[in-house]
Amino acid sequence: MKSPPSLYAICVKAAVKDCVTVCKFCKKEFRSLPDNVLFDFYYTMFTEKRACLLAVEFSELEVFIRMLNVKHKRVKLLKSFQGLINHGSNVPDELIQDFSNYLQKEPLRAISVGIHVGSFFNEGGWYDYSIKILTLTEDLCKEQDESVEILKKCLECYHKRIYAETIYCEFKAAENTFNSAQKVIKQLEKLDALPNLAGLYANFSTLYFHRSEYDESFAWSKKALVLLNNKLPSRIIIEVLRQASRACVVKRRFNQAGLLIRQAVNLAQEIYERDGHPHFSDTLLDYGFYLLNFDSIQESVKVYERSLQIRMDVFEKNNIHLALAHEDMAYALYVNEYSSGRFYAARENADRSIRLMERILPNNHLMLASAKRVKALILEEIALDMREGNNSHLQEKYLNEAEELHRTALELSGKAFGEKNVQTAKHYGNLGRLYQSMRQYEQAEKMHLKAIAIKEELLGSADYEVGLSIGHLASLYNYHMKRHHDAEKLYMRSMEINLNLFGETYSGLEYDYRGLINVYSKLCDQSNVVLYTLKMRDWSLLRAQSKPPAHVEEILPLKEIIEKFSRMC
């Protein structure tokens, strides 16, 4: 049975009712409550759907600062703040306006307040507002007499802002913040007053990661790991472990990535899981990213589902965190159901992601490129699974829609990163596969060759991404252009890369083996047909016996984690 409400809860609810109906308990009186009690008063307003009155209260900076100080109820604050946004209020704008007025009154305190509010906006995924308030904070720092304290505050401001700019895909602004942060670091170095830079270096790594500059991302994440110690807040430790893991994944250093992300999950579980804080969801998304790339696809889907549910519980709708979680879920389901053809759930998640982004973001924002790419991949597979005849018109419609989505994604990526970038190359590769499905084979070859050339130049000839594109071109030559000798060479290269990176149980080897069996059948080379049929049988047996690595929920000492990582290097 449900427990009856406490006397305290009844009193708070009655006070909210009096305030709204007969105004016995007015603003001057309820704001004199202690912060903890006032928080509960406001949260009851939210649960009782008194959004208009709550919006008026939260629009005042001094009131909102008090709510930020109630740190153990942060999830409730995120929920109620998102609820006000969903209701149509412009509380973030009004807070920033109030902050602009506040700057003139107490400049030194305002710097700390700006950093605090900007950090909260980052937590909730309101990155554009975070950038605005942190830019005002930076300007205020620059107006003060230069001192160690001001320089440290300025660096803290850059720490928060570069993260917001990176996730929000404002890469030019993020590069400027990176350069500004480097100057302040040098100034503090000369004064022998450097704070711990682990969290800032992790955000530098995040910037390079999102720009697909993976060597630099890995280098910064290693610098961040070395600086970790037990005096740092747990949140910073988790963020450094998460980002270093992601950098290891794209460098195909899976043992290191697994060590780091599992420890991040264990720590986050201990700190955030009980309250359902979005930080736990963030960590799970990175764990899902590792599992998906490590070929533990079904396990990754479970982790992504758990992460998405946490974000849905906190934000409900109209939030970029939710849109990104739906996108990740869509891609994981697409990969998981690739051979089954059951793409309904994948498509639904992709559609939700795009709808949310289009509602929240400016037109043609770069974040849409990735979500549209995922939907295009799904539509292409749905179209290919349709039989000819009655469905030919619908099949053509889906393929044309997929082309439009891929073209839009390529254009957005090209504007943001230029031609010589891994993301741009991926979009060329996706178009190559699509044109193959549309039977435009020469155009498909052109796209695949572009993708391979860019990836080889940026990543080297033995990278996973290169192997992926080589495999796609091999398929084009093998099944459609009848260039079987060329296909054979490409499959051999793809197979070698896959074996070196992932070992004998890697799922992608199925396509290499099947492709080679077809090549040798067409070339009437029966001995090699038998050879690769046996290899595929052995692969299938090994695959059936392999199990995903068990997740051990033991939190290792920080020193031991870093030592293990260093030995793996």
Protein backbone atom coordinates (compact mmCIF):
# COMPACT_ATOMS: atom_id res chain seq x y z
CA MET A 1 0.00 0.00 0.00
CA LYS A 2 1.07 3.55 -0.68
CA SER A 3 2.27 5.41 2.41
CA PRO A 4 0.13 8.38 3.48
CA PRO A 5 1.68 11.83 2.93
CA SER A 6 3.70 13.26 5.78
CA LEU A 7 2.44 16.22 7.79
CA TYR A 8 5.25 18.26 6.22
CA ALA A 9 4.07 17.40 2.67
CA ILE A 10 0.45 18.25 3.59
CA CYS A 11 1.56 21.64 4.95
CA VAL A 12 3.61 22.45 1.87
CA LYS A 13 0.72 21.51 -0.41
CA ALA A 14 -1.69 23.64 1.65
CA ALA A 15 0.71 26.59 1.49
CA VAL A 16 0.88 26.32 -2.31
CA LYS A 17 -2.92 26.17 -2.51
CA ASP A 18 -3.30 29.23 -0.26
CA CYS A 19 -0.70 31.12 -2.29
CA VAL A 20 -2.50 30.41 -5.57
CA THR A 21 -6.12 30.79 -4.46
CA VAL A 22 -6.58 33.22 -1.58
CA CYS A 23 -3.04 34.60 -1.42
CA LYS A 24 -2.79 34.15 2.36
CA PHE A 25 0.80 33.05 1.98
CA CYS A 26 2.40 35.72 -0.15
CA LYS A 27 5.77 36.13 -1.88
CA LYS A 28 7.43 38.09 0.88
CA GLU A 29 6.55 35.39 3.40
CA PHE A 30 7.37 32.23 1.49
CA ARG A 31 10.72 33.54 0.30
CA SER A 32 11.74 33.80 3.97
CA LEU A 33 11.62 29.99 4.19
CA PRO A 34 14.95 28.09 4.43
CA ASP A 35 16.32 27.03 1.01
CA ASN A 36 15.40 23.36 1.49
CA VAL A 37 11.81 24.14 2.43
CA LEU A 38 11.45 26.77 -0.28
CA PHE A 39 12.67 24.20 -2.82
CA ASP A 40 9.95 21.76 -1.76
CA PHE A 41 7.41 24.60 -1.93
CA TYR A 42 8.41 25.36 -5.54
CA TYR A 43 8.55 21.69 -6.55
CA THR A 44 5.03 21.22 -5.19
CA MET A 45 4.01 24.18 -7.37
CA PHE A 46 5.44 22.25 -10.32
CA THR A 47 3.69 18.97 -9.47
CA GLU A 48 0.43 20.86 -8.87
CA LYS A 49 0.81 22.41 -12.35
CA ARG A 50 1.19 26.01 -11.15
CA ALA A 51 3.64 26.72 -13.97
CA CYS A 52 2.85 30.42 -14.44
CA LEU A 53 3.57 31.32 -10.83
CA LEU A 54 6.65 29.10 -10.73
CA ALA A 55 7.99 30.76 -13.88
CA VAL A 56 7.70 34.17 -12.20
CA GLU A 57 9.67 32.90 -9.21
CA PHE A 58 12.41 31.14 -11.20
CA SER A 59 12.88 34.20 -13.44
CA GLU A 60 14.43 36.06 -10.52
CA LEU A 61 18.13 35.28 -10.33
CA GLU A 62 18.47 35.57 -6.53
CA VAL A 63 15.66 33.05 -6.05
CA PHE A 64 17.10 30.68 -8.64
CA ILE A 65 20.57 30.82 -7.08
CA ARG A 66 19.02 29.61 -3.83
CA MET A 67 17.50 26.65 -5.67
CA LEU A 68 20.85 25.79 -7.25
CA ASN A 69 22.35 25.63 -3.77
CA VAL A 70 20.00 22.74 -2.86
CA LYS A 71 22.35 20.32 -4.61
CA HIS A 72 20.88 17.01 -3.40
CA LYS A 73 17.61 17.75 -5.25
CA ARG A 74 19.15 18.65 -8.61
CA VAL A 75 17.09 16.14 -10.61
CA LYS A 76 13.86 17.73 -9.37
CA LEU A 77 15.17 21.16 -10.34
CA LEU A 78 16.03 19.89 -13.84
CA LYS A 79 12.54 18.36 -14.16
CA SER A 80 10.72 21.50 -13.05
CA PHE A 81 12.90 23.79 -15.20
CA GLN A 82 12.29 21.62 -18.28
CA GLY A 83 8.60 21.58 -17.37
CA LEU A 84 8.54 25.39 -17.53
CA ILE A 85 10.21 25.31 -20.97
CA ASN A 86 7.69 22.71 -22.15
CA HIS A 87 4.94 24.97 -20.85
CA GLY A 88 6.21 27.74 -23.16
CA SER A 89 7.81 30.06 -20.60
CA ASN A 90 10.96 32.00 -21.43
CA VAL A 91 12.59 31.56 -18.01
CA PRO A 92 16.14 31.02 -19.39
CA ASP A 93 16.03 34.33 -21.30
CA GLU A 94 14.65 36.16 -18.28
CA LEU A 95 17.35 34.71 -16.03
CA ILE A 96 20.04 35.88 -18.45
CA GLN A 97 18.44 39.33 -18.60
CA ASP A 98 18.37 39.50 -14.80
CA PHE A 99 22.01 38.37 -14.76
CA SER A 100 22.91 41.27 -17.11
CA ASN A 101 21.46 43.70 -14.55
CA TYR A 102 23.11 41.83 -11.68
CA LEU A 103 26.58 42.29 -13.21
CA GLN A 104 26.65 45.96 -12.33
CA LYS A 105 25.71 45.45 -8.67
CA GLU A 106 28.10 42.74 -7.45
CA PRO A 107 30.63 41.94 -10.19
CA LEU A 108 32.83 39.53 -8.21
CA ARG A 109 29.92 37.49 -6.91
CA ALA A 110 28.30 37.65 -10.36
CA ILE A 111 31.25 35.75 -11.88
CA SER A 112 30.65 32.77 -9.58
CA VAL A 113 26.90 32.99 -10.20
CA GLY A 114 27.38 33.03 -13.99
CA ILE A 115 29.58 29.93 -13.86
CA HIS A 116 27.09 28.19 -11.57
CA VAL A 117 24.08 28.93 -13.78
CA GLY A 118 26.03 28.08 -16.98
CA SER A 119 26.96 24.73 -15.48
CA PHE A 120 23.29 24.04 -14.69
CA PHE A 121 22.30 24.91 -18.27
CA ASN A 122 24.90 22.40 -19.49
CA GLU A 123 23.43 19.71 -17.24
CA GLY A 124 20.00 20.27 -18.74
CA GLY A 125 21.17 20.41 -22.35
CA TRP A 126 20.30 24.12 -22.72
CA TYR A 127 23.64 24.80 -24.36
CA ASP A 128 22.75 27.99 -26.22
CA TYR A 129 21.75 29.63 -22.94
CA SER A 130 24.89 28.32 -21.26
CA ILE A 131 27.03 29.92 -23.97
CA LYS A 132 25.23 33.27 -23.55
CA ILE A 133 25.60 33.50 -19.78
CA LEU A 134 29.19 32.23 -19.77
CA THR A 135 30.15 34.78 -22.44
CA LEU A 136 28.76 37.56 -20.21
CA THR A 137 30.76 36.03 -17.35
CA GLU A 138 33.96 36.03 -19.42
CA ASP A 139 33.43 39.70 -20.30
CA LEU A 140 33.02 40.49 -16.61
CA CYS A 141 36.24 38.61 -15.76
CA LYS A 142 38.13 40.66 -18.32
CA GLU A 143 36.86 43.91 -16.79
CA GLN A 144 38.40 43.07 -13.38
CA ASP A 145 41.94 43.73 -12.23
CA GLU A 146 44.02 40.73 -13.20
CA SER A 147 44.71 38.44 -10.23
CA VAL A 148 45.18 34.73 -9.60
CA GLU A 149 41.59 34.46 -8.36
CA ILE A 150 40.15 36.17 -11.44
CA LEU A 151 42.31 34.14 -13.82
CA LYS A 152 41.13 30.91 -12.18
CA LYS A 153 37.50 32.00 -12.46
CA CYS A 154 38.05 32.86 -16.11
CA LEU A 155 39.54 29.41 -16.72
CA GLU A 156 36.56 27.79 -14.98
CA CYS A 157 34.27 29.80 -17.25
CA TYR A 158 36.16 28.51 -20.33
CA HIS A 159 35.95 24.96 -18.95
CA LYS A 160 32.13 25.13 -18.93
CA ARG A 161 31.75 27.11 -22.15
CA ILE A 162 33.99 25.03 -24.41
CA TYR A 163 31.89 22.00 -23.51
CA ALA A 164 28.64 23.80 -24.38
CA GLU A 165 30.07 25.14 -27.65
CA THR A 166 31.39 21.72 -28.65
CA ILE A 167 28.21 19.75 -27.96
CA TYR A 168 26.17 22.51 -29.62
CA CYS A 169 28.48 22.23 -32.68
CA GLU A 170 29.74 25.84 -32.43
CA PHE A 171 33.22 24.70 -33.40
CA LYS A 172 34.73 28.05 -34.39
CA ALA A 173 33.61 29.57 -31.10
CA ALA A 174 34.96 26.51 -29.25
CA GLU A 175 38.34 26.93 -30.96
CA ASN A 176 38.45 30.57 -29.82
CA THR A 177 37.63 29.45 -26.27
CA PHE A 178 40.36 26.79 -26.53
CA ASN A 179 42.92 29.47 -27.51
CA SER A 180 41.74 31.82 -24.74
CA ALA A 181 42.01 29.03 -22.18
CA GLN A 182 45.55 28.25 -23.32
CA LYS A 183 46.58 31.88 -22.75
CA VAL A 184 45.16 31.87 -19.22
CA ILE A 185 46.91 28.56 -18.48
CA LYS A 186 50.24 30.14 -19.46
CA GLN A 187 49.55 33.16 -17.24
CA LEU A 188 48.75 30.96 -14.24
CA GLU A 189 51.78 28.81 -14.98
CA LYS A 190 54.03 31.89 -14.74
CA LEU A 191 52.41 32.74 -11.40
CA ASP A 192 52.89 29.13 -10.22
CA ALA A 193 49.15 28.97 -9.53
CA LEU A 194 47.79 26.34 -11.91
CA PRO A 195 44.65 24.54 -10.69
CA ASN A 196 44.05 20.91 -11.62
CA LEU A 197 43.31 20.88 -15.36
CA ALA A 198 41.96 17.31 -15.75
CA GLY A 199 38.38 18.40 -16.44
CA LEU A 200 39.41 21.15 -18.85
CA TYR A 201 41.72 18.79 -20.77
CA ALA A 202 38.86 16.27 -21.03
CA ASN A 203 36.77 19.01 -22.65
CA PHE A 204 39.65 19.80 -25.04
CA SER A 205 39.58 16.10 -25.95
CA THR A 206 35.80 16.34 -26.49
CA LEU A 207 36.29 19.23 -28.94
CA TYR A 208 38.79 17.29 -31.05
CA PHE A 209 36.63 14.15 -30.83
CA HIS A 210 33.60 15.96 -32.26
CA ARG A 211 35.77 17.42 -35.02
CA SER A 212 36.92 13.85 -35.83
CA GLU A 213 40.55 14.74 -35.05
CA TYR A 214 41.09 11.54 -33.14
CA ASP A 215 44.85 11.63 -32.53
CA GLU A 216 44.55 15.02 -30.79
CA SER A 217 41.50 13.85 -28.86
CA PHE A 218 43.39 10.80 -27.58
CA ALA A 219 46.43 12.91 -26.65
CA TRP A 220 44.36 15.37 -24.56
CA SER A 221 42.46 12.55 -22.86
CA LYS A 222 45.77 10.96 -21.80
CA LYS A 223 46.88 14.30 -20.33
CA ALA A 224 43.60 14.51 -18.42
CA LEU A 225 43.95 10.97 -17.03
CA VAL A 226 47.44 11.64 -15.69
CA LEU A 227 46.12 14.61 -13.67
CA LEU A 228 43.36 12.65 -11.91
CA ASN A 229 43.54 12.33 -8.13
CA ASN A 230 41.16 11.49 -5.29
CA LYS A 231 40.83 15.14 -4.23
CA LEU A 232 38.91 15.97 -7.42
CA PRO A 233 35.08 15.89 -7.42
CA SER A 234 33.69 12.51 -8.49
CA ARG A 235 31.87 14.25 -11.35
CA ILE A 236 35.18 15.38 -12.88
CA ILE A 237 36.74 11.91 -12.46
CA ILE A 238 33.77 10.29 -14.22
CA GLU A 239 33.83 12.84 -17.07
CA VAL A 240 37.57 12.28 -17.65
CA LEU A 241 37.16 8.48 -17.66
CA ARG A 242 34.19 8.73 -20.04
CA GLN A 243 35.91 10.97 -22.55
CA ALA A 244 39.17 9.03 -22.45
CA SER A 245 37.17 5.86 -23.15
CA ARG A 246 35.49 7.45 -26.19
CA ALA A 247 38.87 8.60 -27.51
CA CYS A 248 40.18 5.04 -27.08
CA VAL A 249 37.18 3.57 -28.93
CA VAL A 250 37.76 5.65 -32.07
CA LYS A 251 41.45 4.74 -31.91
CA ARG A 252 40.33 1.07 -31.67
CA ARG A 253 42.09 0.64 -28.29
CA PHE A 254 39.27 -1.47 -26.91
CA ASN A 255 41.02 -2.93 -23.85
CA GLN A 256 41.80 0.54 -22.57
CA ALA A 257 38.34 1.83 -23.50
CA GLY A 258 36.67 -1.05 -21.66
CA LEU A 259 38.71 -0.50 -18.51
CA LEU A 260 37.90 3.22 -18.38
CA ILE A 261 34.20 3.16 -19.26
CA ARG A 262 33.39 0.29 -16.89
CA GLN A 263 34.99 2.19 -14.03
CA ALA A 264 33.09 5.33 -15.07
CA VAL A 265 29.82 3.36 -15.04
CA ASN A 266 30.60 1.88 -11.60
CA LEU A 267 31.34 5.31 -10.13
CA ALA A 268 28.34 6.96 -11.80
CA GLN A 269 26.08 4.15 -10.63
CA GLU A 270 27.16 4.73 -7.03
CA ILE A 271 26.67 8.52 -7.20
CA TYR A 272 23.83 9.16 -9.66
CA GLU A 273 21.70 6.05 -10.21
CA ARG A 274 19.50 6.36 -7.12
CA ASP A 275 18.31 9.86 -8.09
CA GLY A 276 18.16 9.08 -11.82
CA HIS A 277 20.45 12.01 -12.62
CA PRO A 278 21.12 12.57 -16.35
CA HIS A 279 24.87 12.24 -15.63
CA PHE A 280 24.27 8.51 -15.17
CA SER A 281 22.48 8.45 -18.53
CA ASP A 282 25.48 10.25 -20.12
CA THR A 283 27.83 7.57 -18.80
CA LEU A 284 25.56 4.78 -20.04
CA LEU A 285 25.50 6.34 -23.53
CA ASP A 286 29.29 6.19 -23.63
CA TYR A 287 29.18 2.59 -22.41
CA GLY A 288 26.70 1.79 -25.19
CA PHE A 289 29.05 3.49 -27.69
CA TYR A 290 31.91 1.25 -26.53
CA LEU A 291 29.79 -1.94 -26.69
CA LEU A 292 28.42 -1.12 -30.14
CA ASN A 293 31.89 -0.53 -31.56
CA PHE A 294 33.29 -3.55 -29.73
CA ASP A 295 30.72 -5.71 -31.53
CA SER A 296 28.58 -6.43 -28.45
CA ILE A 297 25.56 -5.11 -30.30
CA GLN A 298 22.70 -6.66 -28.32
CA GLU A 299 24.28 -5.58 -25.04
CA SER A 300 24.64 -2.04 -26.39
CA VAL A 301 20.91 -1.89 -27.21
CA LYS A 302 20.06 -2.76 -23.59
CA VAL A 303 22.37 -0.04 -22.28
CA TYR A 304 20.98 2.55 -24.72
CA GLU A 305 17.42 1.66 -23.67
CA ARG A 306 18.29 2.21 -20.03
CA SER A 307 19.95 5.54 -20.80
CA LEU A 308 17.00 6.75 -22.87
CA GLN A 309 14.54 5.87 -20.11
CA ILE A 310 16.46 7.97 -17.56
CA ARG A 311 16.40 10.98 -19.88
CA MET A 312 12.70 10.51 -20.62
CA ASP A 313 11.95 10.43 -16.89
CA VAL A 314 13.78 13.74 -16.34
CA PHE A 315 13.05 15.78 -19.46
CA GLU A 316 9.87 14.28 -20.94
CA LYS A 317 10.05 16.27 -24.22
CA ASN A 318 11.60 19.27 -26.05
CA ASN A 319 15.14 18.61 -24.84
CA ILE A 320 18.32 18.02 -26.83
CA HIS A 321 19.50 15.31 -24.40
CA LEU A 322 16.38 13.36 -25.30
CA ALA A 323 16.86 13.92 -29.05
CA LEU A 324 20.45 12.64 -28.92
CA ALA A 325 19.44 9.57 -26.88
CA HIS A 326 16.75 8.71 -29.46
CA GLU A 327 19.34 9.06 -32.24
CA ASP A 328 21.78 6.71 -30.48
CA MET A 329 18.95 4.25 -29.82
CA ALA A 330 17.91 4.39 -33.48
CA TYR A 331 21.40 3.61 -34.73
CA ALA A 332 21.94 0.76 -32.25
CA LEU A 333 18.61 -0.81 -33.26
CA TYR A 334 19.47 -0.37 -36.95
CA VAL A 335 22.75 -2.25 -36.48
CA ASN A 336 21.13 -4.89 -34.28
CA GLU A 337 18.28 -5.59 -36.72
CA TYR A 338 20.39 -5.25 -39.88
CA SER A 339 19.96 -8.89 -40.85
CA SER A 340 16.36 -9.26 -39.62
CA GLY A 341 14.81 -6.33 -41.50
CA ARG A 342 12.70 -5.29 -38.48
CA PHE A 343 13.38 -1.58 -38.56
CA TYR A 344 10.14 -0.15 -37.14
CA ALA A 345 11.58 0.72 -33.70
CA ALA A 346 14.77 2.10 -35.25
CA ARG A 347 12.80 4.33 -37.60
CA GLU A 348 10.48 5.53 -34.82
CA ASN A 349 13.46 6.60 -32.69
CA ALA A 350 15.11 8.35 -35.65
CA ASP A 351 11.89 10.23 -36.43
CA ARG A 352 11.53 11.30 -32.79
CA SER A 353 15.11 12.53 -32.72
CA ILE A 354 14.64 14.64 -35.85
CA ARG A 355 11.28 16.02 -34.69
CA LEU A 356 12.75 17.09 -31.37
CA MET A 357 15.80 18.68 -32.99
CA GLU A 358 13.71 20.58 -35.52
CA ARG A 359 11.54 21.88 -32.67
CA ILE A 360 14.49 22.97 -30.51
CA LEU A 361 17.33 23.92 -32.85
CA PRO A 362 17.75 26.60 -35.54
CA ASN A 363 17.12 25.52 -39.14
CA ASN A 364 19.87 23.35 -40.63
CA HIS A 365 21.76 23.03 -37.36
CA LEU A 366 24.72 20.64 -37.66
CA MET A 367 23.26 18.27 -35.03
CA LEU A 368 20.59 17.37 -37.59
CA ALA A 369 23.22 15.95 -39.96
CA SER A 370 23.87 12.89 -37.82
CA ALA A 371 20.19 12.23 -37.06
CA LYS A 372 19.25 12.54 -40.74
CA ARG A 373 22.08 10.21 -41.70
CA VAL A 374 20.72 7.56 -39.31
CA LYS A 375 17.19 7.88 -40.69
CA ALA A 376 18.50 7.66 -44.26
CA LEU A 377 20.34 4.41 -43.47
CA ILE A 378 17.16 2.95 -42.00
CA LEU A 379 14.96 4.04 -44.93
CA GLU A 380 17.42 2.50 -47.39
CA GLU A 381 17.24 -0.87 -45.64
CA ILE A 382 13.43 -0.74 -45.46
CA ALA A 383 13.34 0.00 -49.20
CA LEU A 384 15.71 -2.87 -50.01
CA ASP A 385 13.57 -5.31 -48.06
CA MET A 386 10.51 -4.47 -50.18
CA ARG A 387 9.66 -6.80 -53.02
CA GLU A 388 9.38 -5.55 -56.55
CA GLY A 389 5.90 -5.00 -58.03
CA ASN A 390 3.23 -3.33 -55.95
CA ASN A 391 5.82 -1.78 -53.63
CA SER A 392 8.09 -0.35 -56.33
CA HIS A 393 6.61 3.15 -56.02
CA LEU A 394 7.01 3.16 -52.23
CA GLN A 395 10.51 1.73 -52.54
CA GLU A 396 11.50 4.55 -54.90
CA LYS A 397 9.97 7.09 -52.53
CA TYR A 398 12.02 5.80 -49.58
CA LEU A 399 15.25 5.74 -51.60
CA ASN A 400 14.68 9.29 -52.84
CA GLU A 401 13.97 10.47 -49.30
CA ALA A 402 17.13 8.74 -48.11
CA GLU A 403 19.13 10.51 -50.84
CA GLU A 404 17.74 13.88 -49.80
CA LEU A 405 18.62 13.20 -46.15
CA HIS A 406 22.16 12.05 -47.01
CA ARG A 407 22.69 15.07 -49.28
CA THR A 408 21.54 17.44 -46.53
CA ALA A 409 23.85 15.74 -44.01
CA LEU A 410 26.79 15.97 -46.44
CA GLU A 411 26.15 19.66 -47.06
CA LEU A 412 25.93 20.46 -43.33
CA SER A 413 29.07 18.46 -42.60
CA GLY A 414 30.98 20.05 -45.49
CA LYS A 415 30.13 23.55 -44.26
CA ALA A 416 31.20 22.75 -40.71
CA PHE A 417 34.31 20.63 -41.29
CA GLY A 418 35.34 20.99 -44.92
CA GLU A 419 36.07 18.24 -47.43
CA LYS A 420 39.01 16.63 -45.60
CA ASN A 421 37.19 15.31 -42.53
CA VAL A 422 36.14 11.85 -41.36
CA GLN A 423 32.48 12.92 -40.95
CA THR A 424 32.36 14.25 -44.51
CA ALA A 425 33.97 11.02 -45.73
CA LYS A 426 31.32 8.98 -43.91
CA HIS A 427 28.57 10.89 -45.69
CA TYR A 428 30.24 10.20 -49.06
CA GLY A 429 30.38 6.52 -48.13
CA ASN A 430 26.71 6.49 -47.16
CA LEU A 431 25.78 8.07 -50.49
CA GLY A 432 27.90 5.45 -52.24
CA ARG A 433 25.91 2.64 -50.62
CA LEU A 434 22.64 4.39 -51.42
CA TYR A 435 23.50 4.89 -55.10
CA GLN A 436 24.41 1.21 -55.21
CA SER A 437 20.89 0.44 -53.93
CA MET A 438 19.47 2.86 -56.53
CA ARG A 439 21.48 1.07 -59.28
CA GLN A 440 23.49 4.18 -60.10
CA TYR A 441 26.74 2.22 -60.03
CA GLU A 442 29.20 4.73 -61.50
CA GLN A 443 27.99 7.38 -59.09
CA ALA A 444 28.26 4.85 -56.25
CA GLU A 445 31.87 4.04 -57.18
CA LYS A 446 32.73 7.74 -57.27
CA MET A 447 31.36 8.27 -53.75
CA HIS A 448 33.13 5.20 -52.31
CA LEU A 449 36.47 6.23 -53.82
CA LYS A 450 36.10 9.72 -52.34
CA ALA A 451 35.34 8.26 -48.92
CA ILE A 452 38.34 5.90 -49.06
CA ALA A 453 40.75 8.62 -50.21
CA ILE A 454 39.75 11.02 -47.42
CA LYS A 455 39.81 8.34 -44.71
CA GLU A 456 43.18 6.95 -45.80
CA GLU A 457 44.72 10.42 -45.83
CA LEU A 458 43.40 11.22 -42.35
CA LEU A 459 43.47 7.84 -40.59
CA GLY A 460 46.00 5.69 -42.42
CA SER A 461 45.46 2.59 -44.54
CA ALA A 462 44.74 0.13 -41.71
CA ASP A 463 41.96 1.98 -39.89
CA TYR A 464 38.53 0.50 -39.25
CA GLU A 465 36.79 3.30 -41.16
CA VAL A 466 38.98 2.61 -44.19
CA GLY A 467 38.17 -1.10 -43.97
CA LEU A 468 34.47 -0.29 -43.84
CA SER A 469 34.59 1.79 -47.03
CA ILE A 470 36.79 -0.76 -48.78
CA GLY A 471 34.24 -3.47 -47.96
CA HIS A 472 31.43 -1.37 -49.46
CA LEU A 473 33.38 -0.77 -52.68
CA ALA A 474 34.20 -4.50 -52.84
CA SER A 475 30.47 -5.26 -52.64
CA LEU A 476 29.77 -2.84 -55.52
CA TYR A 477 32.43 -4.43 -57.72
CA ASN A 478 31.39 -7.96 -56.76
CA TYR A 479 27.61 -7.92 -57.07
CA HIS A 480 26.92 -5.12 -59.53
CA MET A 481 29.89 -4.15 -61.69
CA LYS A 482 31.24 -7.71 -62.22
CA ARG A 483 34.81 -6.60 -61.45
CA HIS A 484 35.57 -9.73 -59.48
CA HIS A 485 39.37 -9.51 -59.42
CA ASP A 486 39.18 -5.96 -58.07
CA ALA A 487 36.59 -7.08 -55.52
CA GLU A 488 38.84 -9.95 -54.40
CA LYS A 489 41.73 -7.57 -53.58
CA LEU A 490 39.44 -5.25 -51.65
CA TYR A 491 37.84 -8.05 -49.64
CA MET A 492 41.31 -9.30 -48.69
CA ARG A 493 42.24 -5.83 -47.42
CA SER A 494 38.97 -5.48 -45.52
CA MET A 495 39.36 -8.92 -43.97
CA GLU A 496 42.94 -8.21 -42.87
CA ILE A 497 41.90 -4.95 -41.18
CA ASN A 498 38.94 -6.62 -39.43
CA LEU A 499 41.02 -9.55 -38.16
CA ASN A 500 43.79 -7.27 -36.89
CA LEU A 501 41.39 -4.95 -35.06
CA PHE A 502 38.66 -7.28 -33.80
CA GLY A 503 39.78 -10.90 -34.08
CA GLU A 504 38.16 -14.00 -35.52
CA THR A 505 34.65 -13.53 -34.07
CA TYR A 506 33.98 -10.06 -35.52
CA SER A 507 30.51 -9.81 -37.09
CA GLY A 508 31.76 -7.84 -40.12
CA LEU A 509 33.84 -10.82 -41.29
CA GLU A 510 30.61 -12.45 -42.48
CA TYR A 511 30.38 -9.93 -45.33
CA ASP A 512 34.03 -10.50 -46.31
CA TYR A 513 33.61 -14.29 -46.36
CA ARG A 514 30.28 -14.20 -48.22
CA GLY A 515 31.74 -11.73 -50.72
CA LEU A 516 34.80 -13.89 -51.37
CA ILE A 517 32.66 -17.03 -51.79
CA ASN A 518 30.67 -15.20 -54.47
CA VAL A 519 33.84 -13.84 -56.13
CA TYR A 520 35.44 -17.28 -56.39
CA SER A 521 32.18 -18.84 -57.58
CA LYS A 522 32.07 -16.32 -60.45
CA LEU A 523 35.75 -16.93 -61.21
CA CYS A 524 35.15 -20.73 -61.11
CA ASP A 525 37.84 -21.12 -58.44
CA GLN A 526 36.32 -24.05 -56.58
CA SER A 527 39.19 -24.61 -54.12
CA ASN A 528 38.85 -21.08 -52.76
CA VAL A 529 35.05 -21.42 -52.64
CA VAL A 530 35.55 -24.45 -50.37
CA LEU A 531 38.25 -22.65 -48.33
CA TYR A 532 36.10 -19.60 -47.54
CA THR A 533 32.97 -21.70 -47.00
CA LEU A 534 34.91 -23.56 -44.29
CA LYS A 535 36.24 -20.25 -42.86
CA MET A 536 32.71 -18.94 -42.66
CA ARG A 537 31.53 -22.11 -40.93
CA ASP A 538 34.34 -21.82 -38.37
CA TRP A 539 33.52 -18.12 -37.88
CA SER A 540 29.85 -19.00 -37.29
CA LEU A 541 30.78 -21.60 -34.63
CA LEU A 542 33.16 -19.22 -32.87
CA ARG A 543 30.56 -16.48 -33.00
CA ALA A 544 27.94 -18.72 -31.39
CA GLN A 545 30.35 -19.61 -28.56
CA SER A 546 31.54 -16.06 -27.85
CA LYS A 547 29.92 -14.08 -25.05
CA PRO A 548 30.15 -10.37 -24.26
CA PRO A 549 32.64 -9.60 -21.47
CA ALA A 550 30.95 -9.56 -18.07
CA HIS A 551 30.64 -6.21 -16.36
CA VAL A 552 32.30 -6.47 -12.94
CA GLU A 553 30.86 -3.86 -10.59
CA GLU A 554 34.05 -3.37 -8.60
CA ILE A 555 35.34 0.18 -8.22
CA LEU A 556 39.12 0.10 -8.56
CA PRO A 557 41.36 2.65 -6.83
CA LEU A 558 42.06 5.58 -9.15
CA LYS A 559 45.80 4.97 -9.03
CA GLU A 560 45.30 1.37 -10.16
CA ILE A 561 43.07 2.44 -13.09
CA ILE A 562 45.69 4.89 -14.36
CA GLU A 563 48.53 2.38 -13.91
CA LYS A 564 46.59 -0.30 -15.82
CA PHE A 565 45.83 2.18 -18.59
CA SER A 566 49.51 3.20 -18.83
CA ARG A 567 50.64 -0.43 -19.07
CA MET A 568 48.18 -0.98 -21.92
CA CYS A 569 49.65 2.02 -23.73
